[in-house]
PDB file of N, CA and C in Angstrom:
ATOM      1  N   MET A   1     -41.812   2.988 -35.167  1.00  0.00           N
ATOM      2  CA  MET A   1     -40.989   3.351 -33.911  1.00  0.00           C
ATOM      3  C   MET A   1     -41.115   4.362 -33.554  1.00  0.00           C
ATOM      4  N   SER A   2     -41.300   4.395 -32.080  1.00  0.00           N
ATOM      5  CA  SER A   2     -41.757   5.827 -31.587  1.00  0.00           C
ATOM      6  C   SER A   2     -40.226   7.059 -31.548  1.00  0.00           C
ATOM      7  N   ILE A   3     -40.789   7.933 -31.582  1.00  0.00           N
ATOM      8  CA  ILE A   3     -39.449   8.752 -31.266  1.00  0.00           C
ATOM      9  C   ILE A   3     -38.336   8.481 -29.940  1.00  0.00           C
ATOM     10  N   ALA A   4     -39.322   8.301 -28.538  1.00  0.00           N
ATOM     11  CA  ALA A   4     -38.559   8.691 -27.523  1.00  0.00           C
ATOM     12  C   ALA A   4     -38.198   6.587 -27.426  1.00  0.00           C
ATOM     13  N   GLY A   5     -38.604   5.990 -28.002  1.00  0.00           N
ATOM     14  CA  GLY A   5     -37.747   4.295 -28.403  1.00  0.00           C
ATOM     15  C   GLY A   5     -36.830   4.117 -28.559  1.00  0.00           C
ATOM     16  N   THR A   6     -36.794   5.403 -29.907  1.00  0.00           N
ATOM     17  CA  THR A   6     -35.127   5.264 -30.813  1.00  0.00           C
ATOM     18  C   THR A   6     -34.109   6.347 -30.025  1.00  0.00           C
ATOM     19  N   VAL A   7     -34.683   6.806 -29.301  1.00  0.00           N
ATOM     20  CA  VAL A   7     -33.798   7.926 -28.479  1.00  0.00           C
ATOM     21  C   VAL A   7     -32.755   7.351 -27.788  1.00  0.00           C
ATOM     22  N   LEU A   8     -33.782   6.680 -26.696  1.00  0.00           N
ATOM     23  CA  LEU A   8     -33.576   5.576 -25.396  1.00  0.00           C
ATOM     24  C   LEU A   8     -32.920   4.670 -25.970  1.00  0.00           C
ATOM     25  N   ILE A   9     -32.714   3.873 -27.141  1.00  0.00           N
ATOM     26  CA  ILE A   9     -32.155   2.976 -27.647  1.00  0.00           C
ATOM     27  C   ILE A   9     -30.926   3.994 -28.213  1.00  0.00           C
ATOM     28  N   ALA A  10     -30.770   4.921 -28.921  1.00  0.00           N
ATOM     29  CA  ALA A  10     -29.130   5.236 -29.095  1.00  0.00           C
ATOM     30  C   ALA A  10     -29.103   6.127 -28.106  1.00  0.00           C
ATOM     31  N   LEU A  11     -29.479   6.343 -27.074  1.00  0.00           N
ATOM     32  CA  LEU A  11     -28.585   6.437 -25.811  1.00  0.00           C
ATOM     33  C   LEU A  11     -27.786   5.340 -25.063  1.00  0.00           C
ATOM     34  N   GLY A  12     -28.511   3.582 -25.097  1.00  0.00           N
ATOM     35  CA  GLY A  12     -27.595   3.292 -24.319  1.00  0.00           C
ATOM     36  C   GLY A  12     -27.059   2.767 -25.297  1.00  0.00           C
ATOM     37  N   LEU A  13     -26.996   2.484 -26.539  1.00  0.00           N
ATOM     38  CA  LEU A  13     -25.910   2.095 -27.646  1.00  0.00           C
ATOM     39  C   LEU A  13     -24.501   3.374 -27.568  1.00  0.00           C
ATOM     40  N   ALA A  14     -24.945   4.648 -26.637  1.00  0.00           N
ATOM     41  CA  ALA A  14     -23.808   5.407 -26.845  1.00  0.00           C
ATOM     42  C   ALA A  14     -23.116   5.068 -25.693  1.00  0.00           C
ATOM     43  N   PHE A  15     -24.452   5.024 -24.442  1.00  0.00           N
ATOM     44  CA  PHE A  15     -23.509   4.393 -23.026  1.00  0.00           C
ATOM     45  C   PHE A  15     -22.414   3.111 -23.367  1.00  0.00           C
ATOM     46  N   MET A  16     -22.659   1.835 -24.396  1.00  0.00           N
ATOM     47  CA  MET A  16     -22.332   0.710 -24.489  1.00  0.00           C
ATOM     48  C   MET A  16     -21.108   0.744 -25.276  1.00  0.00           C
ATOM     49  N   VAL A  17     -20.437   1.879 -26.019  1.00  0.00           N
ATOM     50  CA  VAL A  17     -19.496   1.841 -26.933  1.00  0.00           C
ATOM     51  C   VAL A  17     -18.610   2.898 -25.840  1.00  0.00           C
ATOM     52  N   ILE A  18     -19.170   3.428 -24.974  1.00  0.00           N
ATOM     53  CA  ILE A  18     -18.102   4.703 -23.861  1.00  0.00           C
ATOM     54  C   ILE A  18     -17.853   3.019 -23.192  1.00  0.00           C
ATOM     55  N   THR A  19     -18.540   1.961 -22.356  1.00  0.00           N
ATOM     56  CA  THR A  19     -18.241   1.143 -21.741  1.00  0.00           C
ATOM     57  C   THR A  19     -17.149   0.206 -22.573  1.00  0.00           C
ATOM     58  N   ALA A  20     -17.406   0.085 -23.878  1.00  0.00           N
ATOM     59  CA  ALA A  20     -15.925  -0.398 -24.640  1.00  0.00           C
ATOM     60  C   ALA A  20     -14.956   0.192 -24.741  1.00  0.00           C
ATOM     61  N   LEU A  21     -15.183   1.479 -24.552  1.00  0.00           N
ATOM     62  CA  LEU A  21     -13.748   2.198 -24.599  1.00  0.00           C
ATOM     63  C   LEU A  21     -13.051   2.066 -23.569  1.00  0.00           C
ATOM     64  N   GLY A  22     -13.993   1.982 -22.435  1.00  0.00           N
ATOM     65  CA  GLY A  22     -13.928   1.741 -20.931  1.00  0.00           C
ATOM     66  C   GLY A  22     -12.027   0.823 -20.741  1.00  0.00           C
ATOM     67  N   MET A  23     -13.247  -0.153 -21.150  1.00  0.00           N
ATOM     68  CA  MET A  23     -12.542  -1.738 -21.077  1.00  0.00           C
ATOM     69  C   MET A  23     -11.491  -2.082 -21.915  1.00  0.00           C
ATOM     70  N   ILE A  24     -10.543  -0.989 -23.177  1.00  0.00           N
ATOM     71  CA  ILE A  24      -9.529  -0.745 -23.694  1.00  0.00           C
ATOM     72  C   ILE A  24      -8.998   0.583 -22.819  1.00  0.00           C
ATOM     73  N   ARG A  25      -9.133   1.743 -23.100  1.00  0.00           N
ATOM     74  CA  ARG A  25      -8.565   2.399 -22.105  1.00  0.00           C
ATOM     75  C   ARG A  25      -7.823   2.348 -20.763  1.00  0.00           C
ATOM     76  N   LEU A  26      -8.854   2.378 -20.090  1.00  0.00           N
ATOM     77  CA  LEU A  26      -8.294   1.956 -18.352  1.00  0.00           C
ATOM     78  C   LEU A  26      -7.471   0.882 -18.117  1.00  0.00           C
ATOM     79  N   PRO A  27      -6.678   0.861 -17.152  1.00  0.00           N
ATOM     80  CA  PRO A  27      -5.378   0.069 -16.880  1.00  0.00           C
ATOM     81  C   PRO A  27      -5.640  -1.128 -16.203  1.00  0.00           C
ATOM     82  N   ASP A  28      -6.498  -1.203 -15.541  1.00  0.00           N
ATOM     83  CA  ASP A  28      -6.519  -2.110 -14.624  1.00  0.00           C
ATOM     84  C   ASP A  28      -7.773  -3.088 -14.400  1.00  0.00           C
ATOM     85  N   PHE A  29      -8.101  -4.145 -13.794  1.00  0.00           N
ATOM     86  CA  PHE A  29      -8.778  -5.090 -13.754  1.00  0.00           C
ATOM     87  C   PHE A  29     -10.296  -4.283 -13.012  1.00  0.00           C
ATOM     88  N   TYR A  30      -9.949  -3.226 -11.731  1.00  0.00           N
ATOM     89  CA  TYR A  30     -10.991  -2.853 -10.808  1.00  0.00           C
ATOM     90  C   TYR A  30     -11.297  -1.791 -12.124  1.00  0.00           C
ATOM     91  N   SER A  31     -10.862  -1.447 -12.372  1.00  0.00           N
ATOM     92  CA  SER A  31     -11.320   0.189 -12.764  1.00  0.00           C
ATOM     93  C   SER A  31     -11.923  -0.284 -13.799  1.00  0.00           C
ATOM     94  N   ARG A  32     -11.641  -1.265 -15.272  1.00  0.00           N
ATOM     95  CA  ARG A  32     -12.070  -1.969 -16.070  1.00  0.00           C
ATOM     96  C   ARG A  32     -13.693  -2.544 -15.754  1.00  0.00           C
ATOM     97  N   VAL A  33     -13.694  -3.306 -14.283  1.00  0.00           N
ATOM     98  CA  VAL A  33     -15.048  -3.864 -13.669  1.00  0.00           C
ATOM     99  C   VAL A  33     -15.912  -2.352 -13.058  1.00  0.00           C
ATOM    100  N   HIS A  34     -15.008  -1.404 -12.875  1.00  0.00           N
ATOM    101  CA  HIS A  34     -16.298  -0.504 -12.601  1.00  0.00           C
ATOM    102  C   HIS A  34     -16.803  -0.009 -14.008  1.00  0.00           C
ATOM    103  N   ALA A  35     -15.868   0.504 -14.854  1.00  0.00           N
ATOM    104  CA  ALA A  35     -16.943   1.029 -16.046  1.00  0.00           C
ATOM    105  C   ALA A  35     -17.856  -0.323 -16.835  1.00  0.00           C
ATOM    106  N   VAL A  36     -17.333  -1.594 -16.295  1.00  0.00           N
ATOM    107  CA  VAL A  36     -18.536  -1.857 -17.154  1.00  0.00           C
ATOM    108  C   VAL A  36     -19.923  -1.897 -16.061  1.00  0.00           C
ATOM    109  N   SER A  37     -20.086  -2.277 -14.987  1.00  0.00           N
ATOM    110  CA  SER A  37     -20.774  -2.512 -13.923  1.00  0.00           C
ATOM    111  C   SER A  37     -21.727  -1.449 -14.004  1.00  0.00           C
ATOM    112  N   LYS A  38     -20.716  -0.122 -14.430  1.00  0.00           N
ATOM    113  CA  LYS A  38     -22.049   1.130 -14.438  1.00  0.00           C
ATOM    114  C   LYS A  38     -22.415   1.514 -15.838  1.00  0.00           C
ATOM    115  N   SER A  39     -21.673   1.904 -16.698  1.00  0.00           N
ATOM    116  CA  SER A  39     -22.333   2.175 -17.937  1.00  0.00           C
ATOM    117  C   SER A  39     -22.836   1.241 -18.518  1.00  0.00           C
ATOM    118  N   GLU A  40     -22.338  -0.064 -18.432  1.00  0.00           N
ATOM    119  CA  GLU A  40     -23.292  -1.175 -19.214  1.00  0.00           C
ATOM    120  C   GLU A  40     -24.231  -1.437 -18.907  1.00  0.00           C
ATOM    121  N   THR A  41     -24.833  -1.419 -17.174  1.00  0.00           N
ATOM    122  CA  THR A  41     -25.802  -1.481 -16.700  1.00  0.00           C
ATOM    123  C   THR A  41     -27.091  -0.392 -17.722  1.00  0.00           C
ATOM    124  N   LEU A  42     -26.082   0.522 -17.714  1.00  0.00           N
ATOM    125  CA  LEU A  42     -27.073   1.642 -18.001  1.00  0.00           C
ATOM    126  C   LEU A  42     -27.805   1.828 -18.944  1.00  0.00           C
ATOM    127  N   GLY A  43     -26.347   1.021 -20.025  1.00  0.00           N
ATOM    128  CA  GLY A  43     -27.113   0.961 -21.710  1.00  0.00           C
ATOM    129  C   GLY A  43     -27.529   0.357 -21.811  1.00  0.00           C
ATOM    130  N   ILE A  44     -27.924  -1.044 -21.271  1.00  0.00           N
ATOM    131  CA  ILE A  44     -28.992  -2.336 -21.443  1.00  0.00           C
ATOM    132  C   ILE A  44     -29.822  -1.554 -21.037  1.00  0.00           C
ATOM    133  N   THR A  45     -30.139  -0.562 -19.692  1.00  0.00           N
ATOM    134  CA  THR A  45     -31.287  -0.562 -19.253  1.00  0.00           C
ATOM    135  C   THR A  45     -31.843   0.097 -20.450  1.00  0.00           C
ATOM    136  N   LEU A  46     -31.181   1.098 -20.764  1.00  0.00           N
ATOM    137  CA  LEU A  46     -31.919   2.411 -22.038  1.00  0.00           C
ATOM    138  C   LEU A  46     -32.283   1.542 -22.644  1.00  0.00           C
ATOM    139  N   VAL A  47     -31.212   0.480 -23.678  1.00  0.00           N
ATOM    140  CA  VAL A  47     -31.886  -0.076 -24.750  1.00  0.00           C
ATOM    141  C   VAL A  47     -32.895  -1.263 -24.823  1.00  0.00           C
ATOM    142  N   LEU A  48     -32.906  -1.700 -23.752  1.00  0.00           N
ATOM    143  CA  LEU A  48     -34.265  -2.564 -22.761  1.00  0.00           C
ATOM    144  C   LEU A  48     -35.703  -1.229 -22.629  1.00  0.00           C
ATOM    145  N   PHE A  49     -35.184  -0.032 -22.489  1.00  0.00           N
ATOM    146  CA  PHE A  49     -36.197   0.637 -22.658  1.00  0.00           C
ATOM    147  C   PHE A  49     -37.657   0.993 -23.408  1.00  0.00           C
ATOM    148  N   GLY A  50     -36.051   1.525 -24.175  1.00  0.00           N
ATOM    149  CA  GLY A  50     -35.872   1.899 -25.531  1.00  0.00           C
ATOM    150  C   GLY A  50     -37.464   0.558 -26.367  1.00  0.00           C
ATOM    151  N   LEU A  51     -36.699  -0.089 -26.268  1.00  0.00           N
ATOM    152  CA  LEU A  51     -37.402  -1.538 -27.251  1.00  0.00           C
ATOM    153  C   LEU A  51     -38.825  -2.419 -26.387  1.00  0.00           C
ATOM    154  N   ILE A  52     -39.055  -1.851 -24.778  1.00  0.00           N
ATOM    155  CA  ILE A  52     -40.226  -1.460 -24.866  1.00  0.00           C
ATOM    156  C   ILE A  52     -41.673  -0.490 -24.944  1.00  0.00           C
ATOM    157  N   LEU A  53     -40.798   0.341 -25.177  1.00  0.00           N
ATOM    158  CA  LEU A  53     -41.644   1.610 -26.236  1.00  0.00           C
ATOM    159  C   LEU A  53     -41.811   1.068 -27.348  1.00  0.00           C
ATOM    160  N   HIS A  54     -40.967   0.448 -28.238  1.00  0.00           N
ATOM    161  CA  HIS A  54     -41.146  -0.238 -29.543  1.00  0.00           C
ATOM    162  C   HIS A  54     -41.892  -0.584 -29.181  1.00  0.00           C
ATOM    163  N   GLU A  55     -42.219  -1.822 -28.283  1.00  0.00           N
ATOM    164  CA  GLU A  55     -43.226  -2.556 -28.837  1.00  0.00           C
ATOM    165  C   GLU A  55     -44.750  -2.794 -28.326  1.00  0.00           C
ATOM    166  N   GLY A  56     -44.684  -1.821 -27.120  1.00  0.00           N
ATOM    167  CA  GLY A  56     -46.251  -1.326 -26.653  1.00  0.00           C
ATOM    168  C   GLY A  56     -46.800  -2.097 -25.552  1.00  0.00           C
ATOM    169  N   ALA A  57     -47.493  -2.361 -25.334  1.00  0.00           N
ATOM    170  CA  ALA A  57     -47.923  -3.129 -24.199  1.00  0.00           C
ATOM    171  C   ALA A  57     -48.470  -4.231 -24.786  1.00  0.00           C
ATOM    172  N   THR A  58     -47.700  -5.661 -25.038  1.00  0.00           N
ATOM    173  CA  THR A  58     -47.789  -6.601 -25.043  1.00  0.00           C
ATOM    174  C   THR A  58     -46.714  -8.116 -24.416  1.00  0.00           C
ATOM    175  N   MET A  59     -47.256  -9.304 -24.405  1.00  0.00           N
ATOM    176  CA  MET A  59     -46.497 -10.350 -23.394  1.00  0.00           C
ATOM    177  C   MET A  59     -44.496  -9.819 -24.020  1.00  0.00           C
ATOM    178  N   VAL A  60     -44.629  -9.311 -25.316  1.00  0.00           N
ATOM    179  CA  VAL A  60     -43.133  -9.136 -25.697  1.00  0.00           C
ATOM    180  C   VAL A  60     -42.419  -8.463 -24.865  1.00  0.00           C
ATOM    181  N   SER A  61     -43.858  -7.169 -24.778  1.00  0.00           N
ATOM    182  CA  SER A  61     -42.346  -6.039 -23.471  1.00  0.00           C
ATOM    183  C   SER A  61     -43.047  -6.051 -22.477  1.00  0.00           C
ATOM    184  N   LEU A  62     -43.551  -7.106 -22.058  1.00  0.00           N
ATOM    185  CA  LEU A  62     -43.614  -7.844 -20.501  1.00  0.00           C
ATOM    186  C   LEU A  62     -42.615  -8.762 -20.191  1.00  0.00           C
ATOM    187  N   LYS A  63     -42.325  -9.491 -21.228  1.00  0.00           N
ATOM    188  CA  LYS A  63     -40.801 -10.589 -21.348  1.00  0.00           C
ATOM    189  C   LYS A  63     -39.622  -9.769 -21.145  1.00  0.00           C
ATOM    190  N   ILE A  64     -39.269  -8.528 -22.006  1.00  0.00           N
ATOM    191  CA  ILE A  64     -38.194  -7.493 -21.959  1.00  0.00           C
ATOM    192  C   ILE A  64     -38.082  -6.845 -20.602  1.00  0.00           C
ATOM    193  N   GLY A  65     -39.201  -6.309 -20.013  1.00  0.00           N
ATOM    194  CA  GLY A  65     -39.488  -5.681 -18.635  1.00  0.00           C
ATOM    195  C   GLY A  65     -38.539  -6.620 -17.537  1.00  0.00           C
ATOM    196  N   LEU A  66     -39.167  -8.404 -17.712  1.00  0.00           N
ATOM    197  CA  LEU A  66     -38.522  -9.139 -16.715  1.00  0.00           C
ATOM    198  C   LEU A  66     -36.766  -9.434 -16.737  1.00  0.00           C
ATOM    199  N   ILE A  67     -36.880  -9.463 -18.357  1.00  0.00           N
ATOM    200  CA  ILE A  67     -35.011  -8.994 -18.767  1.00  0.00           C
ATOM    201  C   ILE A  67     -34.618  -8.402 -17.862  1.00  0.00           C
ATOM    202  N   LEU A  68     -35.019  -6.801 -18.268  1.00  0.00           N
ATOM    203  CA  LEU A  68     -34.748  -5.702 -17.824  1.00  0.00           C
ATOM    204  C   LEU A  68     -34.622  -5.726 -16.157  1.00  0.00           C
ATOM    205  N   VAL A  69     -35.080  -6.138 -15.405  1.00  0.00           N
ATOM    206  CA  VAL A  69     -35.302  -6.701 -13.779  1.00  0.00           C
ATOM    207  C   VAL A  69     -34.174  -7.465 -13.372  1.00  0.00           C
ATOM    208  N   PHE A  70     -33.827  -8.338 -14.047  1.00  0.00           N
ATOM    209  CA  PHE A  70     -32.676  -9.379 -14.038  1.00  0.00           C
ATOM    210  C   PHE A  70     -31.363  -8.648 -14.197  1.00  0.00           C
ATOM    211  N   VAL A  71     -31.252  -7.862 -15.416  1.00  0.00           N
ATOM    212  CA  VAL A  71     -29.877  -7.241 -15.541  1.00  0.00           C
ATOM    213  C   VAL A  71     -29.364  -6.125 -14.404  1.00  0.00           C
ATOM    214  N   ALA A  72     -30.803  -5.723 -14.113  1.00  0.00           N
ATOM    215  CA  ALA A  72     -30.898  -4.734 -13.508  1.00  0.00           C
ATOM    216  C   ALA A  72     -29.307  -4.900 -12.142  1.00  0.00           C
ATOM    217  N   VAL A  73     -30.614  -6.350 -11.613  1.00  0.00           N
ATOM    218  CA  VAL A  73     -30.217  -6.970 -10.749  1.00  0.00           C
ATOM    219  C   VAL A  73     -28.590  -7.698 -10.277  1.00  0.00           C
ATOM    220  N   ALA A  74     -29.045  -8.499 -11.886  1.00  0.00           N
ATOM    221  CA  ALA A  74     -27.156  -9.575 -12.236  1.00  0.00           C
ATOM    222  C   ALA A  74     -26.124  -8.798 -12.335  1.00  0.00           C
ATOM    223  N   ASN A  75     -25.997  -7.668 -13.104  1.00  0.00           N
ATOM    224  CA  ASN A  75     -24.910  -7.048 -13.530  1.00  0.00           C
ATOM    225  C   ASN A  75     -24.174  -6.319 -11.922  1.00  0.00           C
ATOM    226  N   PRO A  76     -24.712  -5.163 -11.594  1.00  0.00           N
ATOM    227  CA  PRO A  76     -24.196  -4.823 -10.163  1.00  0.00           C
ATOM    228  C   PRO A  76     -23.296  -5.485  -9.439  1.00  0.00           C
ATOM    229  N   VAL A  77     -24.400  -6.974  -9.204  1.00  0.00           N
ATOM    230  CA  VAL A  77     -23.833  -8.422  -8.662  1.00  0.00           C
ATOM    231  C   VAL A  77     -22.535  -8.937  -8.450  1.00  0.00           C
ATOM    232  N   GLY A  78     -22.865  -8.879 -10.028  1.00  0.00           N
ATOM    233  CA  GLY A  78     -21.718  -9.953 -10.840  1.00  0.00           C
ATOM    234  C   GLY A  78     -20.461  -9.258 -10.612  1.00  0.00           C
ATOM    235  N   ALA A  79     -20.579  -7.933 -10.309  1.00  0.00           N
ATOM    236  CA  ALA A  79     -19.224  -7.164 -11.017  1.00  0.00           C
ATOM    237  C   ALA A  79     -18.462  -6.826  -9.396  1.00  0.00           C
ATOM    238  N   HIS A  80     -19.325  -7.005  -8.586  1.00  0.00           N
ATOM    239  CA  HIS A  80     -19.148  -6.659  -6.983  1.00  0.00           C
ATOM    240  C   HIS A  80     -18.681  -7.991  -6.509  1.00  0.00           C
ATOM    241  N   LEU A  81     -19.022  -9.357  -7.276  1.00  0.00           N
ATOM    242  CA  LEU A  81     -18.589 -10.473  -6.816  1.00  0.00           C
ATOM    243  C   LEU A  81     -16.986 -10.869  -7.420  1.00  0.00           C
ATOM    244  N   LEU A  82     -16.958 -10.222  -8.767  1.00  0.00           N
ATOM    245  CA  LEU A  82     -15.899 -10.461  -9.579  1.00  0.00           C
ATOM    246  C   LEU A  82     -14.614  -9.535  -8.375  1.00  0.00           C
ATOM    247  N   THR A  83     -14.940  -8.600  -8.250  1.00  0.00           N
ATOM    248  CA  THR A  83     -14.065  -7.735  -7.642  1.00  0.00           C
ATOM    249  C   THR A  83     -13.827  -7.906  -6.221  1.00  0.00           C
ATOM    250  N   ARG A  84     -15.026  -8.678  -5.812  1.00  0.00           N
ATOM    251  CA  ARG A  84     -14.284  -9.122  -4.418  1.00  0.00           C
ATOM    252  C   ARG A  84     -13.414 -10.789  -4.606  1.00  0.00           C
ATOM    253  N   ALA A  85     -14.273 -10.975  -5.631  1.00  0.00           N
ATOM    254  CA  ALA A  85     -12.702 -12.461  -5.793  1.00  0.00           C
ATOM    255  C   ALA A  85     -11.751 -12.260  -6.227  1.00  0.00           C
ATOM    256  N   ALA A  86     -10.666 -11.117  -6.914  1.00  0.00           N
ATOM    257  CA  ALA A  86      -9.652 -10.192  -7.685  1.00  0.00           C
ATOM    258  C   ALA A  86      -8.870  -9.792  -5.775  1.00  0.00           C
ATOM    259  N   LEU A  87      -9.893  -9.410  -5.114  1.00  0.00           N
ATOM    260  CA  LEU A  87      -8.940  -9.171  -4.046  1.00  0.00           C
ATOM    261  C   LEU A  87      -8.467  -9.830  -3.455  1.00  0.00           C
ATOM    262  N   ARG A  88      -9.247 -11.018  -3.117  1.00  0.00           N
ATOM    263  CA  ARG A  88      -8.980 -11.898  -1.975  1.00  0.00           C
ATOM    264  C   ARG A  88      -8.189 -13.182  -2.638  1.00  0.00           C
ATOM    265  N   THR A  89      -7.861 -12.868  -3.855  1.00  0.00           N
ATOM    266  CA  THR A  89      -6.565 -13.972  -4.172  1.00  0.00           C
ATOM    267  C   THR A  89      -5.478 -13.136  -4.608  1.00  0.00           C
ATOM    268  N   GLY A  90      -5.498 -12.028  -4.323  1.00  0.00           N
ATOM    269  CA  GLY A  90      -4.134 -10.671  -4.022  1.00  0.00           C
ATOM    270  C   GLY A  90      -4.116  -9.799  -5.660  1.00  0.00           C
ATOM    271  N   GLN A  91      -5.087  -9.605  -6.615  1.00  0.00           N
ATOM    272  CA  GLN A  91      -4.769  -9.082  -7.788  1.00  0.00           C
ATOM    273  C   GLN A  91      -4.606  -7.107  -7.123  1.00  0.00           C
ATOM    274  N   MET A  92      -3.398  -7.093  -7.344  1.00  0.00           N
ATOM    275  CA  MET A  92      -3.468  -5.632  -6.748  1.00  0.00           C
ATOM    276  C   MET A  92      -3.893  -4.371  -7.412  1.00  0.00           C
ATOM    277  N   PRO A  93      -4.711  -3.217  -6.930  1.00  0.00           N
ATOM    278  CA  PRO A  93      -5.046  -2.268  -7.525  1.00  0.00           C
ATOM    279  C   PRO A  93      -3.594  -1.644  -8.582  1.00  0.00           C
ATOM    280  N   TRP A  94      -4.057  -1.474  -9.763  1.00  0.00           N
ATOM    281  CA  TRP A  94      -3.252  -0.111 -10.471  1.00  0.00           C
ATOM    282  C   TRP A  94      -2.557   1.510  -9.510  1.00  0.00           C
ATOM    283  N   ARG A  95      -1.501   1.644  -9.472  1.00  0.00           N
ATOM    284  CA  ARG A  95      -1.220   2.544  -9.134  1.00  0.00           C
ATOM    285  C   ARG A  95      -0.576   3.461 -10.256  1.00  0.00           C
ATOM    286  N   ARG A  96      -0.175   4.518 -10.112  1.00  0.00           N
ATOM    287  CA  ARG A  96      -0.022   5.560 -10.727  1.00  0.00           C
ATOM    288  C   ARG A  96       1.846   5.166 -10.576  1.00  0.00           C
ATOM    289  N   GLY A  97       2.525   5.374 -11.800  1.00  0.00           N
ATOM    290  CA  GLY A  97       3.919   4.755 -11.806  1.00  0.00           C
ATOM    291  C   GLY A  97       4.071   3.274 -11.958  1.00  0.00           C
ATOM    292  N   ASP A  98       3.273   2.321 -12.238  1.00  0.00           N
ATOM    293  CA  ASP A  98       3.347   0.651 -12.324  1.00  0.00           C
ATOM    294  C   ASP A  98       3.357   0.106 -13.916  1.00  0.00           C
ATOM    295  N   GLY A  99       3.904   1.247 -14.522  1.00  0.00           N
ATOM    296  CA  GLY A  99       3.892   0.822 -15.925  1.00  0.00           C
ATOM    297  C   GLY A  99       2.265   0.787 -16.961  1.00  0.00           C
ATOM    298  N   GLY A 100       1.897   0.160 -17.564  1.00  0.00           N
ATOM    299  CA  GLY A 100       0.890   0.112 -18.895  1.00  0.00           C
ATOM    300  C   GLY A 100      -0.255   0.968 -18.760  1.00  0.00           C
TER     301      GLY A 100
END
């Protein structure tokens, strides 16, 4: 495995750990969706780039690249749709002093 691939995979996993901590620590739905849509997309992108570097120029790396494109488009769009649905159904954002 190349050093660059290893570094990218490690950075991606670190961002995914940050995502998990955000899911645990943040107070409301909107904050959690923001944490997931940003850091998880970056984390999985870095991991997939690392896997492409590890694999080299093969058909497998092309398939990983296609997955990367799909994830890069689908994660932010999905987070936006979930947030809009929550807002339209009356889910109120957290405010200081609300508890929790």
